[in-house]
Amino acid sequence: MSAGTARVTTGTARDRHRPASRWLVLGVLLVASGYFLAPVWWLLVASTKTSSGLFSGNGFWFGDFALFDNLQQVFSRQGGIYGEWLANSALYAVGGAGVSTLISALAGYALAKYRFRGRELTFNGVLAAVLVPQPLLAVPLYLMFSQLHLVNTVWAVLLPGMVSPFGVYLARIYAAASVPDEIIEAGRIDGAGELRIFATIALRVMAPALVTIFLFQFVSIWTNYLLPVLMLADDHLQPVTVGVVGWQAQRALGSGAVPLNIVVAAAMVSAVPLVILFLSLQRFWRAGLTAGSTK
């Protein structure tokens, strides 16, 4: 058998196995998609039902349509406090994620483009901080903020959200791969200062990574429960995560409890901003996540 014939035979055998492997991968992806999307679909369907409808019929299909009535009760209950919770979550998430993104961009750019003593040690410290679970820091932060008299203020939630070790790591990797040293040197030769070079050149090149950092930090702050529930005792300062869980806890009290369909509808509304943000920024955060993979 000639070498050419052997190559043809090998290629044919490989082609026969490809469809089977593709179907296997497709099947695994479909199962994974169903696993992750099933709770989302249940939440969407359940938010349209009455309190009695939640416990009758098919849980994954629509029954008596009461979505608008549920939403009206969500935003009118307890004097409309749910709207305050949404506004608080927006303040904590937008403010914290915005400042965190700027700090990450500055720190990542400096670690990537400047040589100074202790640079690698600093970056290794950032990597170590990425590996620390955030819930472990909640109690130490509470004790520290208690000494500073910041507990039960907006700063108790805003300040921790302004720092993101993962954001610094991603900004450093992206700046090293995407901001050419030649452009920086050209800016210096033209007389531009370091801050101007960073603001007019580096920030524009790093935009996909910065959007990814903002998005991830926004989601982390919006969905955070442990830190706000430790720091905030005032109902009017709480984010939507703490408020909805509080409504759910009231169901054990009996009289005056929030109906389950209202709690479910409130949980559904709290997820809408995250969905909108992901869909509107998907082309940016996809580019940010793949930064450096083909460099």
C-alpha atoms as a PDB file:
ATOM      1  CA  MET A   1       0.000   0.000   0.000  1.00  0.00           C
ATOM      2  CA  SER A   2       1.435   3.365  -1.027  1.00  0.00           C
ATOM      3  CA  ALA A   3       1.881   6.306   1.324  1.00  0.00           C
ATOM      4  CA  GLY A   4      -0.832   8.244  -0.490  1.00  0.00           C
ATOM      5  CA  THR A   5      -3.313   5.398  -0.101  1.00  0.00           C
ATOM      6  CA  ALA A   6      -2.475   5.091   3.609  1.00  0.00           C
ATOM      7  CA  ARG A   7      -3.129   8.813   4.128  1.00  0.00           C
ATOM      8  CA  VAL A   8      -6.486   8.561   2.332  1.00  0.00           C
ATOM      9  CA  THR A   9      -7.496   5.554   4.452  1.00  0.00           C
ATOM     10  CA  THR A  10      -6.484   7.305   7.673  1.00  0.00           C
ATOM     11  CA  GLY A  11      -8.362  10.461   6.674  1.00  0.00           C
ATOM     12  CA  THR A  12     -11.492   8.453   5.840  1.00  0.00           C
ATOM     13  CA  ALA A  13     -11.432   6.690   9.210  1.00  0.00           C
ATOM     14  CA  ARG A  14     -10.996  10.026  10.980  1.00  0.00           C
ATOM     15  CA  ASP A  15     -13.940  11.502   9.083  1.00  0.00           C
ATOM     16  CA  ARG A  16     -16.140   8.566  10.134  1.00  0.00           C
ATOM     17  CA  HIS A  17     -15.469   9.319  13.810  1.00  0.00           C
ATOM     18  CA  ARG A  18     -16.038  13.067  13.545  1.00  0.00           C
ATOM     19  CA  PRO A  19     -19.866  12.998  13.287  1.00  0.00           C
ATOM     20  CA  ALA A  20     -20.128  10.800  16.389  1.00  0.00           C
ATOM     21  CA  SER A  21     -17.882  13.116  18.427  1.00  0.00           C
ATOM     22  CA  ARG A  22     -19.781  16.166  17.223  1.00  0.00           C
ATOM     23  CA  TRP A  23     -23.109  14.645  18.247  1.00  0.00           C
ATOM     24  CA  LEU A  24     -21.640  13.767  21.645  1.00  0.00           C
ATOM     25  CA  VAL A  25     -20.426  17.326  22.191  1.00  0.00           C
ATOM     26  CA  LEU A  26     -23.769  18.698  21.010  1.00  0.00           C
ATOM     27  CA  GLY A  27     -25.632  16.379  23.387  1.00  0.00           C
ATOM     28  CA  VAL A  28     -23.512  17.451  26.349  1.00  0.00           C
ATOM     29  CA  LEU A  29     -24.052  21.126  25.491  1.00  0.00           C
ATOM     30  CA  LEU A  30     -27.812  20.622  25.205  1.00  0.00           C
ATOM     31  CA  VAL A  31     -27.973  18.888  28.585  1.00  0.00           C
ATOM     32  CA  ALA A  32     -25.885  21.638  30.179  1.00  0.00           C
ATOM     33  CA  SER A  33     -28.045  24.337  28.581  1.00  0.00           C
ATOM     34  CA  GLY A  34     -31.206  22.682  29.848  1.00  0.00           C
ATOM     35  CA  TYR A  35     -29.735  22.368  33.334  1.00  0.00           C
ATOM     36  CA  PHE A  36     -28.908  26.071  33.532  1.00  0.00           C
ATOM     37  CA  LEU A  37     -31.965  27.415  31.711  1.00  0.00           C
ATOM     38  CA  ALA A  38     -34.611  25.315  33.493  1.00  0.00           C
ATOM     39  CA  PRO A  39     -34.570  27.441  36.707  1.00  0.00           C
ATOM     40  CA  VAL A  40     -34.725  30.628  34.607  1.00  0.00           C
ATOM     41  CA  TRP A  41     -37.723  29.325  32.676  1.00  0.00           C
ATOM     42  CA  TRP A  42     -39.429  28.244  35.911  1.00  0.00           C
ATOM     43  CA  LEU A  43     -38.880  31.720  37.411  1.00  0.00           C
ATOM     44  CA  LEU A  44     -40.346  33.379  34.323  1.00  0.00           C
ATOM     45  CA  VAL A  45     -43.396  31.099  34.299  1.00  0.00           C
ATOM     46  CA  ALA A  46     -43.936  31.246  38.074  1.00  0.00           C
ATOM     47  CA  SER A  47     -43.877  35.051  38.089  1.00  0.00           C
ATOM     48  CA  THR A  48     -47.038  35.062  35.940  1.00  0.00           C
ATOM     49  CA  LYS A  49     -49.081  32.862  38.304  1.00  0.00           C
ATOM     50  CA  THR A  50     -51.299  33.515  41.266  1.00  0.00           C
ATOM     51  CA  SER A  51     -50.355  32.274  44.721  1.00  0.00           C
ATOM     52  CA  SER A  52     -52.614  29.218  44.402  1.00  0.00           C
ATOM     53  CA  GLY A  53     -51.487  28.602  40.826  1.00  0.00           C
ATOM     54  CA  LEU A  54     -47.913  28.040  41.984  1.00  0.00           C
ATOM     55  CA  PHE A  55     -48.963  24.822  43.711  1.00  0.00           C
ATOM     56  CA  SER A  56     -51.265  23.461  41.040  1.00  0.00           C
ATOM     57  CA  GLY A  57     -50.745  22.345  37.470  1.00  0.00           C
ATOM     58  CA  ASN A  58     -47.452  22.107  35.615  1.00  0.00           C
ATOM     59  CA  GLY A  59     -44.733  24.188  37.244  1.00  0.00           C
ATOM     60  CA  PHE A  60     -42.970  24.706  33.932  1.00  0.00           C
ATOM     61  CA  TRP A  61     -45.985  25.986  31.994  1.00  0.00           C
ATOM     62  CA  PHE A  62     -48.287  28.959  32.245  1.00  0.00           C
ATOM     63  CA  GLY A  63     -51.558  28.906  34.136  1.00  0.00           C
ATOM     64  CA  ASP A  64     -53.715  31.823  35.263  1.00  0.00           C
ATOM     65  CA  PHE A  65     -51.925  34.901  33.899  1.00  0.00           C
ATOM     66  CA  ALA A  66     -51.432  37.363  36.765  1.00  0.00           C
ATOM     67  CA  LEU A  67     -48.087  38.953  35.868  1.00  0.00           C
ATOM     68  CA  PHE A  68     -49.270  42.569  35.812  1.00  0.00           C
ATOM     69  CA  ASP A  69     -51.146  42.201  39.086  1.00  0.00           C
ATOM     70  CA  ASN A  70     -48.067  40.602  40.661  1.00  0.00           C
ATOM     71  CA  LEU A  71     -45.841  43.455  39.462  1.00  0.00           C
ATOM     72  CA  GLN A  72     -48.286  46.030  40.774  1.00  0.00           C
ATOM     73  CA  GLN A  73     -48.189  44.415  44.203  1.00  0.00           C
ATOM     74  CA  VAL A  74     -44.397  44.127  44.118  1.00  0.00           C
ATOM     75  CA  PHE A  75     -43.899  47.863  43.586  1.00  0.00           C
ATOM     76  CA  SER A  76     -46.702  48.990  45.913  1.00  0.00           C
ATOM     77  CA  ARG A  77     -46.043  46.749  48.921  1.00  0.00           C
ATOM     78  CA  GLN A  78     -44.645  48.410  52.074  1.00  0.00           C
ATOM     79  CA  GLY A  79     -44.995  51.867  50.576  1.00  0.00           C
ATOM     80  CA  GLY A  80     -43.086  51.014  47.402  1.00  0.00           C
ATOM     81  CA  ILE A  81     -39.895  49.974  49.159  1.00  0.00           C
ATOM     82  CA  TYR A  82     -39.020  47.543  46.365  1.00  0.00           C
ATOM     83  CA  GLY A  83     -38.261  50.511  44.092  1.00  0.00           C
ATOM     84  CA  GLU A  84     -35.855  51.814  46.761  1.00  0.00           C
ATOM     85  CA  TRP A  85     -34.149  48.432  46.883  1.00  0.00           C
ATOM     86  CA  LEU A  86     -33.655  48.474  43.113  1.00  0.00           C
ATOM     87  CA  ALA A  87     -32.259  52.014  43.277  1.00  0.00           C
ATOM     88  CA  ASN A  88     -29.885  50.990  46.082  1.00  0.00           C
ATOM     89  CA  SER A  89     -28.667  47.993  44.089  1.00  0.00           C
ATOM     90  CA  ALA A  90     -28.111  50.227  41.058  1.00  0.00           C
ATOM     91  CA  LEU A  91     -26.136  52.701  43.186  1.00  0.00           C
ATOM     92  CA  TYR A  92     -23.938  50.018  44.735  1.00  0.00           C
ATOM     93  CA  ALA A  93     -23.400  48.119  41.472  1.00  0.00           C
ATOM     94  CA  VAL A  94     -22.856  51.048  39.087  1.00  0.00           C
ATOM     95  CA  GLY A  95     -20.779  53.086  41.532  1.00  0.00           C
ATOM     96  CA  GLY A  96     -18.696  50.180  42.755  1.00  0.00           C
ATOM     97  CA  ALA A  97     -18.174  48.629  39.329  1.00  0.00           C
ATOM     98  CA  GLY A  98     -17.332  51.981  37.724  1.00  0.00           C
ATOM     99  CA  VAL A  99     -14.646  52.891  40.253  1.00  0.00           C
ATOM    100  CA  SER A 100     -13.381  49.306  40.301  1.00  0.00           C
ATOM    101  CA  THR A 101     -12.982  49.327  36.523  1.00  0.00           C
ATOM    102  CA  LEU A 102     -10.970  52.558  36.617  1.00  0.00           C
ATOM    103  CA  ILE A 103      -8.724  51.288  39.428  1.00  0.00           C
ATOM    104  CA  SER A 104      -8.230  47.978  37.615  1.00  0.00           C
ATOM    105  CA  ALA A 105      -7.303  49.779  34.390  1.00  0.00           C
ATOM    106  CA  LEU A 106      -4.755  51.991  36.167  1.00  0.00           C
ATOM    107  CA  ALA A 107      -3.228  49.132  38.162  1.00  0.00           C
ATOM    108  CA  GLY A 108      -3.219  46.665  35.266  1.00  0.00           C
ATOM    109  CA  TYR A 109      -1.642  49.161  32.872  1.00  0.00           C
ATOM    110  CA  ALA A 110       1.049  50.068  35.407  1.00  0.00           C
ATOM    111  CA  LEU A 111       1.876  46.415  36.119  1.00  0.00           C
ATOM    112  CA  ALA A 112       2.083  45.656  32.391  1.00  0.00           C
ATOM    113  CA  LYS A 113       3.976  48.669  31.057  1.00  0.00           C
ATOM    114  CA  TYR A 114       6.179  49.988  33.869  1.00  0.00           C
ATOM    115  CA  ARG A 115       9.182  48.276  35.386  1.00  0.00           C
ATOM    116  CA  PHE A 116       9.666  48.930  39.093  1.00  0.00           C
ATOM    117  CA  ARG A 117      10.982  47.113  42.117  1.00  0.00           C
ATOM    118  CA  GLY A 118       8.439  44.667  43.503  1.00  0.00           C
ATOM    119  CA  ARG A 119       6.324  44.527  40.359  1.00  0.00           C
ATOM    120  CA  GLU A 120       6.180  40.738  40.183  1.00  0.00           C
ATOM    121  CA  LEU A 121       5.619  40.468  43.931  1.00  0.00           C
ATOM    122  CA  THR A 122       2.708  42.880  43.625  1.00  0.00           C
ATOM    123  CA  PHE A 123       1.202  40.924  40.751  1.00  0.00           C
ATOM    124  CA  ASN A 124       1.597  37.660  42.665  1.00  0.00           C
ATOM    125  CA  GLY A 125      -0.274  39.292  45.536  1.00  0.00           C
ATOM    126  CA  VAL A 126      -3.079  40.173  43.139  1.00  0.00           C
ATOM    127  CA  LEU A 127      -3.208  36.559  41.946  1.00  0.00           C
ATOM    128  CA  ALA A 128      -3.374  35.361  45.542  1.00  0.00           C
ATOM    129  CA  ALA A 129      -6.250  37.769  46.217  1.00  0.00           C
ATOM    130  CA  VAL A 130      -8.154  36.351  43.229  1.00  0.00           C
ATOM    131  CA  LEU A 131      -8.085  32.927  44.894  1.00  0.00           C
ATOM    132  CA  VAL A 132      -9.540  34.180  48.199  1.00  0.00           C
ATOM    133  CA  PRO A 133     -13.320  33.539  48.401  1.00  0.00           C
ATOM    134  CA  GLN A 134     -15.118  36.832  48.931  1.00  0.00           C
ATOM    135  CA  PRO A 135     -17.408  35.530  51.752  1.00  0.00           C
ATOM    136  CA  LEU A 136     -14.292  35.002  53.896  1.00  0.00           C
ATOM    137  CA  LEU A 137     -13.728  38.765  53.897  1.00  0.00           C
ATOM    138  CA  ALA A 138     -17.231  39.747  55.013  1.00  0.00           C
ATOM    139  CA  VAL A 139     -16.706  39.395  58.776  1.00  0.00           C
ATOM    140  CA  PRO A 140     -13.239  41.081  58.807  1.00  0.00           C
ATOM    141  CA  LEU A 141     -14.700  43.952  56.759  1.00  0.00           C
ATOM    142  CA  TYR A 142     -17.588  44.275  59.212  1.00  0.00           C
ATOM    143  CA  LEU A 143     -15.198  44.481  62.175  1.00  0.00           C
ATOM    144  CA  MET A 144     -13.019  47.044  60.389  1.00  0.00           C
ATOM    145  CA  PHE A 145     -15.956  49.203  59.286  1.00  0.00           C
ATOM    146  CA  SER A 146     -17.381  49.045  62.811  1.00  0.00           C
ATOM    147  CA  GLN A 147     -14.223  50.752  64.073  1.00  0.00           C
ATOM    148  CA  LEU A 148     -14.600  53.387  61.337  1.00  0.00           C
ATOM    149  CA  HIS A 149     -18.321  53.900  62.120  1.00  0.00           C
ATOM    150  CA  LEU A 150     -19.282  53.035  58.532  1.00  0.00           C
ATOM    151  CA  VAL A 151     -21.646  50.169  59.337  1.00  0.00           C
ATOM    152  CA  ASN A 152     -25.231  50.815  58.212  1.00  0.00           C
ATOM    153  CA  THR A 153     -24.125  53.391  55.647  1.00  0.00           C
ATOM    154  CA  VAL A 154     -23.916  53.170  51.863  1.00  0.00           C
ATOM    155  CA  TRP A 155     -20.108  53.244  52.111  1.00  0.00           C
ATOM    156  CA  ALA A 156     -20.101  49.875  53.853  1.00  0.00           C
ATOM    157  CA  VAL A 157     -21.233  48.288  50.581  1.00  0.00           C
ATOM    158  CA  LEU A 158     -19.734  50.746  48.092  1.00  0.00           C
ATOM    159  CA  LEU A 159     -16.121  50.690  49.287  1.00  0.00           C
ATOM    160  CA  PRO A 160     -15.563  46.888  49.129  1.00  0.00           C
ATOM    161  CA  GLY A 161     -17.083  46.841  45.634  1.00  0.00           C
ATOM    162  CA  MET A 162     -14.541  49.354  44.362  1.00  0.00           C
ATOM    163  CA  VAL A 163     -11.715  46.808  44.437  1.00  0.00           C
ATOM    164  CA  SER A 164     -11.512  43.792  42.135  1.00  0.00           C
ATOM    165  CA  PRO A 165      -8.361  41.627  42.103  1.00  0.00           C
ATOM    166  CA  PHE A 166      -9.710  39.740  39.085  1.00  0.00           C
ATOM    167  CA  GLY A 167     -10.205  43.069  37.304  1.00  0.00           C
ATOM    168  CA  VAL A 168      -6.583  44.051  37.954  1.00  0.00           C
ATOM    169  CA  TYR A 169      -5.422  40.656  36.686  1.00  0.00           C
ATOM    170  CA  LEU A 170      -7.487  40.852  33.488  1.00  0.00           C
ATOM    171  CA  ALA A 171      -6.460  44.466  32.831  1.00  0.00           C
ATOM    172  CA  ARG A 172      -2.806  43.570  33.247  1.00  0.00           C
ATOM    173  CA  ILE A 173      -3.015  40.612  30.852  1.00  0.00           C
ATOM    174  CA  TYR A 174      -4.924  42.617  28.246  1.00  0.00           C
ATOM    175  CA  ALA A 175      -2.659  45.667  28.474  1.00  0.00           C
ATOM    176  CA  ALA A 176       0.465  43.516  28.075  1.00  0.00           C
ATOM    177  CA  ALA A 177      -0.994  41.815  24.987  1.00  0.00           C
ATOM    178  CA  SER A 178      -2.804  44.675  23.282  1.00  0.00           C
ATOM    179  CA  VAL A 179      -1.078  47.989  24.070  1.00  0.00           C
ATOM    180  CA  PRO A 180       2.108  48.183  21.923  1.00  0.00           C
ATOM    181  CA  ASP A 181       5.203  49.659  23.549  1.00  0.00           C
ATOM    182  CA  GLU A 182       5.936  51.434  20.252  1.00  0.00           C
ATOM    183  CA  ILE A 183       2.754  53.523  20.532  1.00  0.00           C
ATOM    184  CA  ILE A 184       3.626  54.509  24.087  1.00  0.00           C
ATOM    185  CA  GLU A 185       7.140  55.539  23.036  1.00  0.00           C
ATOM    186  CA  ALA A 186       5.729  57.514  20.102  1.00  0.00           C
ATOM    187  CA  GLY A 187       3.448  59.398  22.479  1.00  0.00           C
ATOM    188  CA  ARG A 188       6.365  60.217  24.752  1.00  0.00           C
ATOM    189  CA  ILE A 189       8.417  61.471  21.824  1.00  0.00           C
ATOM    190  CA  ASP A 190       5.532  63.738  20.796  1.00  0.00           C
ATOM    191  CA  GLY A 191       5.593  65.251  24.283  1.00  0.00           C
ATOM    192  CA  ALA A 192       2.521  63.574  25.772  1.00  0.00           C
ATOM    193  CA  GLY A 193       2.565  62.909  29.497  1.00  0.00           C
ATOM    194  CA  GLU A 194       2.005  59.476  30.994  1.00  0.00           C
ATOM    195  CA  LEU A 195      -1.534  60.286  32.116  1.00  0.00           C
ATOM    196  CA  ARG A 196      -2.456  61.578  28.666  1.00  0.00           C
ATOM    197  CA  ILE A 197      -1.016  58.472  26.996  1.00  0.00           C
ATOM    198  CA  PHE A 198      -3.044  56.292  29.329  1.00  0.00           C
ATOM    199  CA  ALA A 199      -6.262  58.269  28.848  1.00  0.00           C
ATOM    200  CA  THR A 200      -6.091  58.748  25.063  1.00  0.00           C
ATOM    201  CA  ILE A 201      -4.361  55.545  23.921  1.00  0.00           C
ATOM    202  CA  ALA A 202      -4.367  52.771  26.513  1.00  0.00           C
ATOM    203  CA  LEU A 203      -7.972  53.178  27.636  1.00  0.00           C
ATOM    204  CA  ARG A 204      -9.278  52.970  24.076  1.00  0.00           C
ATOM    205  CA  VAL A 205      -7.266  49.852  23.282  1.00  0.00           C
ATOM    206  CA  MET A 206      -8.262  48.220  26.579  1.00  0.00           C
ATOM    207  CA  ALA A 207     -11.984  48.972  26.123  1.00  0.00           C
ATOM    208  CA  PRO A 208     -13.135  45.327  25.597  1.00  0.00           C
ATOM    209  CA  ALA A 209     -11.360  44.186  28.757  1.00  0.00           C
ATOM    210  CA  LEU A 210     -12.708  47.138  30.745  1.00  0.00           C
ATOM    211  CA  VAL A 211     -16.276  46.367  29.700  1.00  0.00           C
ATOM    212  CA  THR A 212     -15.750  42.780  30.833  1.00  0.00           C
ATOM    213  CA  ILE A 213     -14.365  43.949  34.182  1.00  0.00           C
ATOM    214  CA  PHE A 214     -17.295  46.316  34.661  1.00  0.00           C
ATOM    215  CA  LEU A 215     -19.817  43.623  33.779  1.00  0.00           C
ATOM    216  CA  PHE A 216     -18.356  40.981  36.073  1.00  0.00           C
ATOM    217  CA  GLN A 217     -18.017  43.405  38.987  1.00  0.00           C
ATOM    218  CA  PHE A 218     -21.547  44.730  38.408  1.00  0.00           C
ATOM    219  CA  VAL A 219     -22.973  41.209  38.568  1.00  0.00           C
ATOM    220  CA  SER A 220     -20.888  40.380  41.640  1.00  0.00           C
ATOM    221  CA  ILE A 221     -22.142  43.437  43.534  1.00  0.00           C
ATOM    222  CA  TRP A 222     -25.751  43.138  42.330  1.00  0.00           C
ATOM    223  CA  THR A 223     -26.037  39.511  43.434  1.00  0.00           C
ATOM    224  CA  ASN A 224     -24.058  39.890  46.666  1.00  0.00           C
ATOM    225  CA  TYR A 225     -26.081  39.000  49.746  1.00  0.00           C
ATOM    226  CA  LEU A 226     -23.752  38.250  52.667  1.00  0.00           C
ATOM    227  CA  LEU A 227     -21.944  41.596  52.827  1.00  0.00           C
ATOM    228  CA  PRO A 228     -25.062  43.833  52.640  1.00  0.00           C
ATOM    229  CA  VAL A 229     -27.005  41.719  55.142  1.00  0.00           C
ATOM    230  CA  LEU A 230     -24.114  42.067  57.619  1.00  0.00           C
ATOM    231  CA  MET A 231     -23.509  45.760  57.026  1.00  0.00           C
ATOM    232  CA  LEU A 232     -27.012  47.209  56.625  1.00  0.00           C
ATOM    233  CA  ALA A 233     -29.758  47.175  59.253  1.00  0.00           C
ATOM    234  CA  ASP A 234     -31.823  49.979  57.710  1.00  0.00           C
ATOM    235  CA  ASP A 235     -34.439  48.602  55.316  1.00  0.00           C
ATOM    236  CA  HIS A 236     -34.168  51.735  53.160  1.00  0.00           C
ATOM    237  CA  LEU A 237     -30.445  51.126  52.508  1.00  0.00           C
ATOM    238  CA  GLN A 238     -30.697  47.443  51.622  1.00  0.00           C
ATOM    239  CA  PRO A 239     -30.197  46.168  48.052  1.00  0.00           C
ATOM    240  CA  VAL A 240     -32.800  44.088  46.271  1.00  0.00           C
ATOM    241  CA  THR A 241     -31.143  40.757  47.154  1.00  0.00           C
ATOM    242  CA  VAL A 242     -31.483  41.341  50.885  1.00  0.00           C
ATOM    243  CA  GLY A 243     -34.987  42.771  50.508  1.00  0.00           C
ATOM    244  CA  VAL A 244     -36.367  39.830  48.540  1.00  0.00           C
ATOM    245  CA  VAL A 245     -34.874  37.314  50.970  1.00  0.00           C
ATOM    246  CA  GLY A 246     -36.438  39.314  53.799  1.00  0.00           C
ATOM    247  CA  TRP A 247     -39.837  39.029  52.131  1.00  0.00           C
ATOM    248  CA  GLN A 248     -39.322  35.306  51.792  1.00  0.00           C
ATOM    249  CA  ALA A 249     -38.428  35.054  55.494  1.00  0.00           C
ATOM    250  CA  GLN A 250     -41.645  36.866  56.435  1.00  0.00           C
ATOM    251  CA  ARG A 251     -43.673  33.928  55.130  1.00  0.00           C
ATOM    252  CA  ALA A 252     -42.790  32.027  58.298  1.00  0.00           C
ATOM    253  CA  LEU A 253     -44.492  34.700  60.416  1.00  0.00           C
ATOM    254  CA  GLY A 254     -48.018  33.917  59.240  1.00  0.00           C
ATOM    255  CA  SER A 255     -50.183  37.057  59.301  1.00  0.00           C
ATOM    256  CA  GLY A 256     -48.868  39.910  57.177  1.00  0.00           C
ATOM    257  CA  ALA A 257     -46.546  37.597  55.257  1.00  0.00           C
ATOM    258  CA  VAL A 258     -45.708  38.369  51.642  1.00  0.00           C
ATOM    259  CA  PRO A 259     -47.407  35.875  49.274  1.00  0.00           C
ATOM    260  CA  LEU A 260     -45.034  33.549  47.474  1.00  0.00           C
ATOM    261  CA  ASN A 261     -46.090  34.719  44.010  1.00  0.00           C
ATOM    262  CA  ILE A 262     -45.073  38.275  44.960  1.00  0.00           C
ATOM    263  CA  VAL A 263     -41.689  37.058  46.155  1.00  0.00           C
ATOM    264  CA  VAL A 264     -41.171  35.142  42.903  1.00  0.00           C
ATOM    265  CA  ALA A 265     -42.185  38.146  40.791  1.00  0.00           C
ATOM    266  CA  ALA A 266     -39.792  40.353  42.768  1.00  0.00           C
ATOM    267  CA  ALA A 267     -36.964  37.886  42.158  1.00  0.00           C
ATOM    268  CA  MET A 268     -37.751  37.859  38.435  1.00  0.00           C
ATOM    269  CA  VAL A 269     -37.678  41.662  38.202  1.00  0.00           C
ATOM    270  CA  SER A 270     -34.322  41.781  40.016  1.00  0.00           C
ATOM    271  CA  ALA A 271     -32.777  39.577  37.311  1.00  0.00           C
ATOM    272  CA  VAL A 272     -33.975  41.730  34.390  1.00  0.00           C
ATOM    273  CA  PRO A 273     -31.174  44.368  34.639  1.00  0.00           C
ATOM    274  CA  LEU A 274     -28.532  41.629  34.535  1.00  0.00           C
ATOM    275  CA  VAL A 275     -30.050  40.064  31.411  1.00  0.00           C
ATOM    276  CA  ILE A 276     -30.273  43.446  29.673  1.00  0.00           C
ATOM    277  CA  LEU A 277     -26.669  44.275  30.594  1.00  0.00           C
ATOM    278  CA  PHE A 278     -25.333  40.930  29.348  1.00  0.00           C
ATOM    279  CA  LEU A 279     -27.189  41.138  26.033  1.00  0.00           C
ATOM    280  CA  SER A 280     -26.255  44.756  25.352  1.00  0.00           C
ATOM    281  CA  LEU A 281     -22.554  44.294  26.154  1.00  0.00           C
ATOM    282  CA  GLN A 282     -22.000  40.752  24.923  1.00  0.00           C
ATOM    283  CA  ARG A 283     -19.826  41.684  21.935  1.00  0.00           C
ATOM    284  CA  PHE A 284     -17.456  43.556  24.267  1.00  0.00           C
ATOM    285  CA  TRP A 285     -17.152  41.041  27.084  1.00  0.00           C
ATOM    286  CA  ARG A 286     -16.643  38.168  24.652  1.00  0.00           C
ATOM    287  CA  ALA A 287     -13.668  40.022  23.189  1.00  0.00           C
ATOM    288  CA  GLY A 288     -12.394  40.760  26.693  1.00  0.00           C
ATOM    289  CA  LEU A 289     -12.580  37.143  27.823  1.00  0.00           C
ATOM    290  CA  THR A 290     -10.571  35.945  24.803  1.00  0.00           C
ATOM    291  CA  ALA A 291      -7.961  38.678  25.205  1.00  0.00           C
ATOM    292  CA  GLY A 292      -4.471  37.388  24.628  1.00  0.00           C
ATOM    293  CA  SER A 293      -5.548  33.913  23.527  1.00  0.00           C
ATOM    294  CA  THR A 294      -4.314  34.487  19.965  1.00  0.00           C
ATOM    295  CA  LYS A 295      -1.535  36.952  20.650  1.00  0.00           C
END
